[in-house]
PDB file of N, CA and C in Angstrom:
ATOM      1  N   MET A   1    -117.051 -37.667  94.660  1.00  0.00           N
ATOM      2  CA  MET A   1    -118.875 -37.651  95.567  1.00  0.00           C
ATOM      3  C   MET A   1    -118.390 -38.620  96.975  1.00  0.00           C
ATOM      4  N   ILE A   2    -119.034 -37.982  97.761  1.00  0.00           N
ATOM      5  CA  ILE A   2    -119.074 -38.883  98.926  1.00  0.00           C
ATOM      6  C   ILE A   2    -120.128 -40.260  98.974  1.00  0.00           C
ATOM      7  N   LYS A   3    -119.427 -41.486  99.768  1.00  0.00           N
ATOM      8  CA  LYS A   3    -120.844 -42.465  99.339  1.00  0.00           C
ATOM      9  C   LYS A   3    -121.111 -43.355 101.438  1.00  0.00           C
ATOM     10  N   LYS A   4    -122.525 -43.071 101.634  1.00  0.00           N
ATOM     11  CA  LYS A   4    -122.017 -43.069 102.712  1.00  0.00           C
ATOM     12  C   LYS A   4    -123.581 -44.051 103.324  1.00  0.00           C
ATOM     13  N   THR A   5    -123.258 -44.751 104.231  1.00  0.00           N
ATOM     14  CA  THR A   5    -124.512 -45.690 104.364  1.00  0.00           C
ATOM     15  C   THR A   5    -125.295 -44.503 106.153  1.00  0.00           C
ATOM     16  N   LEU A   6    -126.551 -44.284 105.542  1.00  0.00           N
ATOM     17  CA  LEU A   6    -127.088 -43.525 106.301  1.00  0.00           C
ATOM     18  C   LEU A   6    -127.972 -44.444 107.649  1.00  0.00           C
ATOM     19  N   ALA A   7    -128.487 -45.454 107.194  1.00  0.00           N
ATOM     20  CA  ALA A   7    -129.140 -45.733 107.926  1.00  0.00           C
ATOM     21  C   ALA A   7    -129.151 -47.524 108.075  1.00  0.00           C
ATOM     22  N   LYS A   8    -129.553 -48.264 109.027  1.00  0.00           N
ATOM     23  CA  LYS A   8    -129.180 -49.462 109.209  1.00  0.00           C
ATOM     24  C   LYS A   8    -131.120 -50.389 108.913  1.00  0.00           C
ATOM     25  N   ARG A   9    -131.262 -50.225 107.740  1.00  0.00           N
ATOM     26  CA  ARG A   9    -132.464 -50.650 107.651  1.00  0.00           C
ATOM     27  C   ARG A   9    -132.549 -52.391 106.274  1.00  0.00           C
ATOM     28  N   LYS A  10    -133.449 -52.882 106.340  1.00  0.00           N
ATOM     29  CA  LYS A  10    -133.555 -54.277 105.998  1.00  0.00           C
ATOM     30  C   LYS A  10    -133.415 -53.684 104.827  1.00  0.00           C
ATOM     31  N   ASP A  11    -133.865 -52.658 103.623  1.00  0.00           N
ATOM     32  CA  ASP A  11    -134.226 -52.227 102.707  1.00  0.00           C
ATOM     33  C   ASP A  11    -133.664 -51.576 102.642  1.00  0.00           C
ATOM     34  N   GLY A  12    -132.395 -51.040 103.063  1.00  0.00           N
ATOM     35  CA  GLY A  12    -131.040 -50.089 102.831  1.00  0.00           C
ATOM     36  C   GLY A  12    -131.481 -48.837 102.231  1.00  0.00           C
ATOM     37  N   LYS A  13    -130.504 -47.728 102.923  1.00  0.00           N
ATOM     38  CA  LYS A  13    -130.241 -46.233 102.490  1.00  0.00           C
ATOM     39  C   LYS A  13    -129.361 -46.016 101.981  1.00  0.00           C
ATOM     40  N   TYR A  14    -128.809 -45.760 101.189  1.00  0.00           N
ATOM     41  CA  TYR A  14    -127.219 -45.549 100.771  1.00  0.00           C
ATOM     42  C   TYR A  14    -127.501 -44.395  99.638  1.00  0.00           C
ATOM     43  N   VAL A  15    -126.727 -42.991  99.756  1.00  0.00           N
ATOM     44  CA  VAL A  15    -126.315 -42.207  99.346  1.00  0.00           C
ATOM     45  C   VAL A  15    -124.972 -41.629  98.802  1.00  0.00           C
ATOM     46  N   GLY A  16    -125.194 -41.489  97.678  1.00  0.00           N
ATOM     47  CA  GLY A  16    -123.668 -40.665  96.944  1.00  0.00           C
ATOM     48  C   GLY A  16    -124.572 -38.984  97.075  1.00  0.00           C
ATOM     49  N   TYR A  17    -123.370 -38.069  97.517  1.00  0.00           N
ATOM     50  CA  TYR A  17    -123.681 -36.634  98.021  1.00  0.00           C
ATOM     51  C   TYR A  17    -123.088 -35.854  97.766  1.00  0.00           C
ATOM     52  N   LYS A  18    -123.061 -34.929  96.858  1.00  0.00           N
ATOM     53  CA  LYS A  18    -121.725 -33.410  96.546  1.00  0.00           C
ATOM     54  C   LYS A  18    -122.322 -32.639  97.762  1.00  0.00           C
ATOM     55  N   ASP A  19    -120.937 -31.430  97.985  1.00  0.00           N
ATOM     56  CA  ASP A  19    -121.294 -30.424  98.966  1.00  0.00           C
ATOM     57  C   ASP A  19    -122.181 -29.273  98.686  1.00  0.00           C
ATOM     58  N   LYS A  20    -123.174 -29.449  97.620  1.00  0.00           N
ATOM     59  CA  LYS A  20    -123.505 -28.863  96.636  1.00  0.00           C
ATOM     60  C   LYS A  20    -125.101 -28.823  97.395  1.00  0.00           C
ATOM     61  N   PRO A  21    -126.003 -27.598  97.375  1.00  0.00           N
ATOM     62  CA  PRO A  21    -127.324 -27.957  97.611  1.00  0.00           C
ATOM     63  C   PRO A  21    -128.195 -29.325  96.729  1.00  0.00           C
ATOM     64  N   SER A  22    -128.603 -30.313  97.487  1.00  0.00           N
ATOM     65  CA  SER A  22    -129.515 -31.492  96.599  1.00  0.00           C
ATOM     66  C   SER A  22    -130.683 -31.626  96.853  1.00  0.00           C
ATOM     67  N   ILE A  23    -131.242 -31.832  96.228  1.00  0.00           N
ATOM     68  CA  ILE A  23    -132.742 -32.562  96.009  1.00  0.00           C
ATOM     69  C   ILE A  23    -132.859 -33.870  96.187  1.00  0.00           C
ATOM     70  N   ILE A  24    -133.364 -33.991  97.389  1.00  0.00           N
ATOM     71  CA  ILE A  24    -133.602 -35.298  97.992  1.00  0.00           C
ATOM     72  C   ILE A  24    -135.633 -35.670  97.272  1.00  0.00           C
ATOM     73  N   VAL A  25    -135.331 -37.008  97.521  1.00  0.00           N
ATOM     74  CA  VAL A  25    -136.720 -37.404  96.795  1.00  0.00           C
ATOM     75  C   VAL A  25    -136.956 -38.724  97.245  1.00  0.00           C
ATOM     76  N   THR A  26    -138.064 -38.784  98.086  1.00  0.00           N
ATOM     77  CA  THR A  26    -138.198 -40.405  98.849  1.00  0.00           C
ATOM     78  C   THR A  26    -139.295 -40.621  98.482  1.00  0.00           C
ATOM     79  N   LEU A  27    -139.191 -42.439  97.956  1.00  0.00           N
ATOM     80  CA  LEU A  27    -140.252 -42.529  97.344  1.00  0.00           C
ATOM     81  C   LEU A  27    -140.927 -43.978  97.998  1.00  0.00           C
ATOM     82  N   GLY A  28    -142.344 -43.156  98.905  1.00  0.00           N
ATOM     83  CA  GLY A  28    -141.998 -44.674  99.937  1.00  0.00           C
ATOM     84  C   GLY A  28    -141.341 -44.774 101.222  1.00  0.00           C
ATOM     85  N   ILE A  29    -142.025 -43.960 102.399  1.00  0.00           N
ATOM     86  CA  ILE A  29    -141.160 -43.499 103.030  1.00  0.00           C
ATOM     87  C   ILE A  29    -141.347 -44.595 104.239  1.00  0.00           C
ATOM     88  N   GLY A  30    -142.454 -44.993 103.936  1.00  0.00           N
ATOM     89  CA  GLY A  30    -142.576 -46.571 105.519  1.00  0.00           C
ATOM     90  C   GLY A  30    -142.437 -45.770 106.597  1.00  0.00           C
ATOM     91  N   GLN A  31    -142.979 -44.720 106.930  1.00  0.00           N
ATOM     92  CA  GLN A  31    -142.896 -44.656 108.656  1.00  0.00           C
ATOM     93  C   GLN A  31    -141.304 -44.003 109.032  1.00  0.00           C
ATOM     94  N   ASP A  32    -140.673 -44.426 108.520  1.00  0.00           N
ATOM     95  CA  ASP A  32    -139.012 -44.534 108.860  1.00  0.00           C
ATOM     96  C   ASP A  32    -138.190 -43.576 108.138  1.00  0.00           C
ATOM     97  N   THR A  33    -137.796 -42.220 108.552  1.00  0.00           N
ATOM     98  CA  THR A  33    -137.207 -41.184 108.448  1.00  0.00           C
ATOM     99  C   THR A  33    -135.731 -40.571 108.459  1.00  0.00           C
ATOM    100  N   THR A  34    -134.771 -42.273 109.298  1.00  0.00           N
ATOM    101  CA  THR A  34    -134.081 -41.772 110.120  1.00  0.00           C
ATOM    102  C   THR A  34    -133.018 -41.660 108.788  1.00  0.00           C
ATOM    103  N   ALA A  35    -132.931 -41.747 107.798  1.00  0.00           N
ATOM    104  CA  ALA A  35    -131.543 -41.452 106.406  1.00  0.00           C
ATOM    105  C   ALA A  35    -131.884 -40.092 106.133  1.00  0.00           C
ATOM    106  N   GLU A  36    -133.171 -39.420 105.666  1.00  0.00           N
ATOM    107  CA  GLU A  36    -133.603 -37.954 105.662  1.00  0.00           C
ATOM    108  C   GLU A  36    -132.710 -37.126 106.840  1.00  0.00           C
ATOM    109  N   GLU A  37    -133.126 -38.194 107.772  1.00  0.00           N
ATOM    110  CA  GLU A  37    -132.387 -37.131 108.910  1.00  0.00           C
ATOM    111  C   GLU A  37    -131.096 -37.022 109.386  1.00  0.00           C
ATOM    112  N   ALA A  38    -130.111 -38.073 108.848  1.00  0.00           N
ATOM    113  CA  ALA A  38    -129.353 -38.069 108.636  1.00  0.00           C
ATOM    114  C   ALA A  38    -128.395 -37.349 107.845  1.00  0.00           C
ATOM    115  N   LEU A  39    -129.014 -37.098 106.668  1.00  0.00           N
ATOM    116  CA  LEU A  39    -128.961 -36.117 105.373  1.00  0.00           C
ATOM    117  C   LEU A  39    -129.121 -35.204 106.078  1.00  0.00           C
ATOM    118  N   LEU A  40    -130.036 -34.476 106.664  1.00  0.00           N
ATOM    119  CA  LEU A  40    -129.944 -33.301 106.832  1.00  0.00           C
ATOM    120  C   LEU A  40    -128.521 -32.751 107.351  1.00  0.00           C
ATOM    121  N   LYS A  41    -128.249 -33.758 108.308  1.00  0.00           N
ATOM    122  CA  LYS A  41    -126.739 -32.970 108.976  1.00  0.00           C
ATOM    123  C   LYS A  41    -125.501 -32.951 108.044  1.00  0.00           C
ATOM    124  N   VAL A  42    -125.724 -33.467 106.768  1.00  0.00           N
ATOM    125  CA  VAL A  42    -124.663 -33.658 105.842  1.00  0.00           C
ATOM    126  C   VAL A  42    -124.860 -32.344 104.623  1.00  0.00           C
ATOM    127  N   LEU A  43    -125.527 -32.556 104.683  1.00  0.00           N
ATOM    128  CA  LEU A  43    -126.121 -31.844 103.579  1.00  0.00           C
ATOM    129  C   LEU A  43    -126.098 -30.348 103.254  1.00  0.00           C
ATOM    130  N   PRO A  44    -125.643 -29.206 102.283  1.00  0.00           N
ATOM    131  CA  PRO A  44    -126.371 -28.143 102.606  1.00  0.00           C
ATOM    132  C   PRO A  44    -127.811 -27.484 102.667  1.00  0.00           C
ATOM    133  N   LYS A  45    -127.395 -26.311 104.253  1.00  0.00           N
ATOM    134  CA  LYS A  45    -129.138 -26.210 104.521  1.00  0.00           C
ATOM    135  C   LYS A  45    -130.029 -26.076 103.750  1.00  0.00           C
ATOM    136  N   SER A  46    -130.104 -25.326 102.405  1.00  0.00           N
ATOM    137  CA  SER A  46    -130.329 -24.833 101.411  1.00  0.00           C
ATOM    138  C   SER A  46    -130.869 -26.499 100.163  1.00  0.00           C
ATOM    139  N   SER A  47    -130.535 -28.020 101.021  1.00  0.00           N
ATOM    140  CA  SER A  47    -131.063 -28.670 100.342  1.00  0.00           C
ATOM    141  C   SER A  47    -132.722 -28.799 100.860  1.00  0.00           C
ATOM    142  N   LYS A  48    -133.255 -28.876  99.279  1.00  0.00           N
ATOM    143  CA  LYS A  48    -134.268 -29.658  99.350  1.00  0.00           C
ATOM    144  C   LYS A  48    -135.059 -31.435  98.927  1.00  0.00           C
ATOM    145  N   PHE A  49    -136.131 -31.390 100.763  1.00  0.00           N
ATOM    146  CA  PHE A  49    -136.480 -32.629 100.661  1.00  0.00           C
ATOM    147  C   PHE A  49    -138.344 -33.064 100.369  1.00  0.00           C
ATOM    148  N   TYR A  50    -138.358 -34.035  99.575  1.00  0.00           N
ATOM    149  CA  TYR A  50    -139.731 -34.483  99.102  1.00  0.00           C
ATOM    150  C   TYR A  50    -140.048 -36.009  99.226  1.00  0.00           C
ATOM    151  N   GLY A  51    -141.021 -36.211  99.760  1.00  0.00           N
ATOM    152  CA  GLY A  51    -141.438 -37.268 100.043  1.00  0.00           C
ATOM    153  C   GLY A  51    -142.536 -37.968  99.846  1.00  0.00           C
ATOM    154  N   VAL A  52    -142.990 -39.052  99.408  1.00  0.00           N
ATOM    155  CA  VAL A  52    -143.779 -39.517  98.370  1.00  0.00           C
ATOM    156  C   VAL A  52    -144.151 -40.944  99.291  1.00  0.00           C
ATOM    157  N   ASP A  53    -145.796 -41.211  99.600  1.00  0.00           N
ATOM    158  CA  ASP A  53    -145.820 -42.178 100.233  1.00  0.00           C
ATOM    159  C   ASP A  53    -147.983 -42.220  99.959  1.00  0.00           C
ATOM    160  N   PRO A  54    -148.368 -43.529  99.720  1.00  0.00           N
ATOM    161  CA  PRO A  54    -149.861 -43.151  99.759  1.00  0.00           C
ATOM    162  C   PRO A  54    -150.594 -43.006 100.971  1.00  0.00           C
ATOM    163  N   VAL A  55    -149.842 -43.684 101.901  1.00  0.00           N
ATOM    164  CA  VAL A  55    -150.185 -43.689 103.554  1.00  0.00           C
ATOM    165  C   VAL A  55    -149.641 -42.237 104.300  1.00  0.00           C
ATOM    166  N   HIS A  56    -151.075 -41.327 104.680  1.00  0.00           N
ATOM    167  CA  HIS A  56    -150.218 -40.527 104.976  1.00  0.00           C
ATOM    168  C   HIS A  56    -150.393 -40.130 106.725  1.00  0.00           C
ATOM    169  N   GLU A  57    -151.019 -41.083 106.971  1.00  0.00           N
ATOM    170  CA  GLU A  57    -150.634 -41.194 108.505  1.00  0.00           C
ATOM    171  C   GLU A  57    -149.481 -41.327 109.396  1.00  0.00           C
ATOM    172  N   VAL A  58    -148.723 -40.701 109.932  1.00  0.00           N
ATOM    173  CA  VAL A  58    -147.467 -41.018 110.700  1.00  0.00           C
ATOM    174  C   VAL A  58    -146.564 -40.613 109.287  1.00  0.00           C
ATOM    175  N   ASN A  59    -146.173 -40.748 108.290  1.00  0.00           N
ATOM    176  CA  ASN A  59    -145.586 -40.723 107.209  1.00  0.00           C
ATOM    177  C   ASN A  59    -145.535 -38.950 107.237  1.00  0.00           C
ATOM    178  N   GLU A  60    -147.040 -38.318 106.712  1.00  0.00           N
ATOM    179  CA  GLU A  60    -147.368 -37.111 106.582  1.00  0.00           C
ATOM    180  C   GLU A  60    -146.351 -36.199 108.078  1.00  0.00           C
ATOM    181  N   GLU A  61    -146.575 -36.929 108.795  1.00  0.00           N
ATOM    182  CA  GLU A  61    -145.980 -35.573 110.471  1.00  0.00           C
ATOM    183  C   GLU A  61    -144.734 -35.959 110.583  1.00  0.00           C
ATOM    184  N   LEU A  62    -143.907 -37.207 110.412  1.00  0.00           N
ATOM    185  CA  LEU A  62    -143.002 -37.145 110.546  1.00  0.00           C
ATOM    186  C   LEU A  62    -142.108 -36.395 109.023  1.00  0.00           C
ATOM    187  N   TYR A  63    -142.549 -36.781 108.051  1.00  0.00           N
ATOM    188  CA  TYR A  63    -141.492 -35.942 106.873  1.00  0.00           C
ATOM    189  C   TYR A  63    -142.127 -34.470 106.637  1.00  0.00           C
ATOM    190  N   ALA A  64    -143.182 -33.954 107.148  1.00  0.00           N
ATOM    191  CA  ALA A  64    -143.039 -32.751 107.257  1.00  0.00           C
ATOM    192  C   ALA A  64    -142.587 -32.060 108.203  1.00  0.00           C
ATOM    193  N   LYS A  65    -141.513 -32.357 109.401  1.00  0.00           N
ATOM    194  CA  LYS A  65    -140.950 -32.062 110.302  1.00  0.00           C
ATOM    195  C   LYS A  65    -139.327 -31.071 108.981  1.00  0.00           C
ATOM    196  N   PHE A  66    -139.118 -32.059 108.291  1.00  0.00           N
ATOM    197  CA  PHE A  66    -137.919 -31.476 107.294  1.00  0.00           C
ATOM    198  C   PHE A  66    -138.104 -30.993 105.779  1.00  0.00           C
ATOM    199  N   GLY A  67    -139.376 -31.204 105.258  1.00  0.00           N
ATOM    200  CA  GLY A  67    -139.453 -30.878 103.412  1.00  0.00           C
ATOM    201  C   GLY A  67    -140.891 -31.514 103.740  1.00  0.00           C
ATOM    202  N   LYS A  68    -141.329 -31.296 102.256  1.00  0.00           N
ATOM    203  CA  LYS A  68    -142.185 -31.857 102.135  1.00  0.00           C
ATOM    204  C   LYS A  68    -143.212 -32.939 101.477  1.00  0.00           C
ATOM    205  N   PHE A  69    -144.642 -33.038 102.056  1.00  0.00           N
ATOM    206  CA  PHE A  69    -144.765 -34.519 101.582  1.00  0.00           C
ATOM    207  C   PHE A  69    -146.093 -34.534 100.606  1.00  0.00           C
ATOM    208  N   PHE A  70    -146.127 -35.647  99.960  1.00  0.00           N
ATOM    209  CA  PHE A  70    -147.652 -35.733  98.960  1.00  0.00           C
ATOM    210  C   PHE A  70    -147.693 -37.431  99.417  1.00  0.00           C
ATOM    211  N   PRO A  71    -148.877 -37.344  99.153  1.00  0.00           N
ATOM    212  CA  PRO A  71    -149.924 -38.996  99.244  1.00  0.00           C
ATOM    213  C   PRO A  71    -150.608 -39.533  98.267  1.00  0.00           C
ATOM    214  N   PHE A  72    -148.922 -39.491  97.289  1.00  0.00           N
ATOM    215  CA  PHE A  72    -149.076 -40.422  96.198  1.00  0.00           C
ATOM    216  C   PHE A  72    -148.889 -41.892  96.210  1.00  0.00           C
ATOM    217  N   ALA A  73    -149.341 -42.590  95.517  1.00  0.00           N
ATOM    218  CA  ALA A  73    -148.238 -44.085  94.931  1.00  0.00           C
ATOM    219  C   ALA A  73    -147.701 -43.792  93.994  1.00  0.00           C
ATOM    220  N   VAL A  74    -146.965 -44.707  93.734  1.00  0.00           N
ATOM    221  CA  VAL A  74    -145.603 -44.235  92.498  1.00  0.00           C
ATOM    222  C   VAL A  74    -145.255 -45.786  91.970  1.00  0.00           C
ATOM    223  N   GLY A  75    -146.252 -46.366  90.354  1.00  0.00           N
ATOM    224  CA  GLY A  75    -145.936 -46.675  90.042  1.00  0.00           C
ATOM    225  C   GLY A  75    -145.306 -47.026  88.472  1.00  0.00           C
ATOM    226  N   GLY A  76    -145.490 -47.725  87.513  1.00  0.00           N
ATOM    227  CA  GLY A  76    -144.964 -48.184  86.782  1.00  0.00           C
ATOM    228  C   GLY A  76    -145.440 -47.062  84.951  1.00  0.00           C
ATOM    229  N   LYS A  77    -146.783 -47.062  85.677  1.00  0.00           N
ATOM    230  CA  LYS A  77    -146.997 -46.412  84.524  1.00  0.00           C
ATOM    231  C   LYS A  77    -148.368 -44.991  85.149  1.00  0.00           C
ATOM    232  N   SER A  78    -148.039 -43.883  84.439  1.00  0.00           N
ATOM    233  CA  SER A  78    -149.077 -42.119  84.660  1.00  0.00           C
ATOM    234  C   SER A  78    -150.409 -42.524  84.970  1.00  0.00           C
ATOM    235  N   LYS A  79    -151.114 -42.833  85.592  1.00  0.00           N
ATOM    236  CA  LYS A  79    -152.836 -43.176  86.097  1.00  0.00           C
ATOM    237  C   LYS A  79    -152.784 -42.826  87.466  1.00  0.00           C
ATOM    238  N   VAL A  80    -154.731 -42.457  87.404  1.00  0.00           N
ATOM    239  CA  VAL A  80    -154.886 -42.597  88.243  1.00  0.00           C
ATOM    240  C   VAL A  80    -155.844 -44.023  88.812  1.00  0.00           C
ATOM    241  N   SER A  81    -155.855 -45.137  89.886  1.00  0.00           N
ATOM    242  CA  SER A  81    -156.472 -45.772  90.205  1.00  0.00           C
ATOM    243  C   SER A  81    -155.730 -46.039  91.830  1.00  0.00           C
ATOM    244  N   ARG A  82    -156.455 -46.950  92.361  1.00  0.00           N
ATOM    245  CA  ARG A  82    -156.356 -47.709  93.459  1.00  0.00           C
ATOM    246  C   ARG A  82    -154.794 -48.381  93.778  1.00  0.00           C
ATOM    247  N   ALA A  83    -155.055 -47.966  94.842  1.00  0.00           N
ATOM    248  CA  ALA A  83    -153.589 -48.424  95.291  1.00  0.00           C
ATOM    249  C   ALA A  83    -153.443 -49.793  96.773  1.00  0.00           C
ATOM    250  N   SER A  84    -152.788 -50.884  96.183  1.00  0.00           N
ATOM    251  CA  SER A  84    -153.008 -51.741  97.666  1.00  0.00           C
ATOM    252  C   SER A  84    -151.488 -51.932  98.611  1.00  0.00           C
ATOM    253  N   VAL A  85    -152.048 -51.058  99.361  1.00  0.00           N
ATOM    254  CA  VAL A  85    -150.544 -50.820 100.617  1.00  0.00           C
ATOM    255  C   VAL A  85    -150.862 -51.909 101.886  1.00  0.00           C
ATOM    256  N   LEU A  86    -149.329 -52.025 102.284  1.00  0.00           N
ATOM    257  CA  LEU A  86    -149.614 -52.695 103.152  1.00  0.00           C
ATOM    258  C   LEU A  86    -149.214 -51.656 104.726  1.00  0.00           C
ATOM    259  N   ALA A  87    -150.268 -51.555 105.701  1.00  0.00           N
ATOM    260  CA  ALA A  87    -150.316 -50.877 106.457  1.00  0.00           C
ATOM    261  C   ALA A  87    -150.837 -51.397 108.534  1.00  0.00           C
ATOM    262  N   ASN A  88    -149.794 -51.528 108.969  1.00  0.00           N
ATOM    263  CA  ASN A  88    -149.757 -52.266 109.904  1.00  0.00           C
ATOM    264  C   ASN A  88    -150.521 -53.983 109.744  1.00  0.00           C
ATOM    265  N   GLY A  89    -149.576 -54.593 108.863  1.00  0.00           N
ATOM    266  CA  GLY A  89    -149.275 -55.569 108.616  1.00  0.00           C
ATOM    267  C   GLY A  89    -150.895 -55.990 107.756  1.00  0.00           C
ATOM    268  N   LYS A  90    -151.438 -55.545 107.258  1.00  0.00           N
ATOM    269  CA  LYS A  90    -152.569 -55.865 106.744  1.00  0.00           C
ATOM    270  C   LYS A  90    -152.564 -54.664 105.232  1.00  0.00           C
ATOM    271  N   CYS A  91    -153.387 -55.625 104.557  1.00  0.00           N
ATOM    272  CA  CYS A  91    -153.409 -55.176 103.086  1.00  0.00           C
ATOM    273  C   CYS A  91    -154.458 -53.779 103.312  1.00  0.00           C
ATOM    274  N   ALA A  92    -154.540 -52.477 102.624  1.00  0.00           N
ATOM    275  CA  ALA A  92    -155.520 -51.396 102.852  1.00  0.00           C
ATOM    276  C   ALA A  92    -154.859 -50.582 101.347  1.00  0.00           C
ATOM    277  N   LEU A  93    -156.526 -50.164 101.230  1.00  0.00           N
ATOM    278  CA  LEU A  93    -156.776 -49.549  99.846  1.00  0.00           C
ATOM    279  C   LEU A  93    -156.842 -47.850 100.090  1.00  0.00           C
ATOM    280  N   THR A  94    -155.901 -47.538  99.373  1.00  0.00           N
ATOM    281  CA  THR A  94    -155.866 -46.017  99.251  1.00  0.00           C
ATOM    282  C   THR A  94    -156.499 -45.615  98.126  1.00  0.00           C
ATOM    283  N   PHE A  95    -156.697 -44.482  97.830  1.00  0.00           N
ATOM    284  CA  PHE A  95    -156.763 -43.772  96.290  1.00  0.00           C
ATOM    285  C   PHE A  95    -155.862 -42.483  96.046  1.00  0.00           C
TER     286      PHE A  95
END
């Protein structure tokens, strides 16, 4: 297994990968796809990317360049509810 730091971010994105096609799932894109773009360069071309973030503005456009975007929030339980998210430094509600 190869371990590599893919982006210099305050929350960090690290990955361990093999030279086989992979399925990458990003929970919370946060308007930053630099780590995923770095993975595109080292993973086999047949690897799949799926990104999830409740804020579709910017995130959908960024992620759709190389993967499939889903406009959802992820929580501790399976249910449909409102999600509070931080957008442009302010709390915003999404569905």
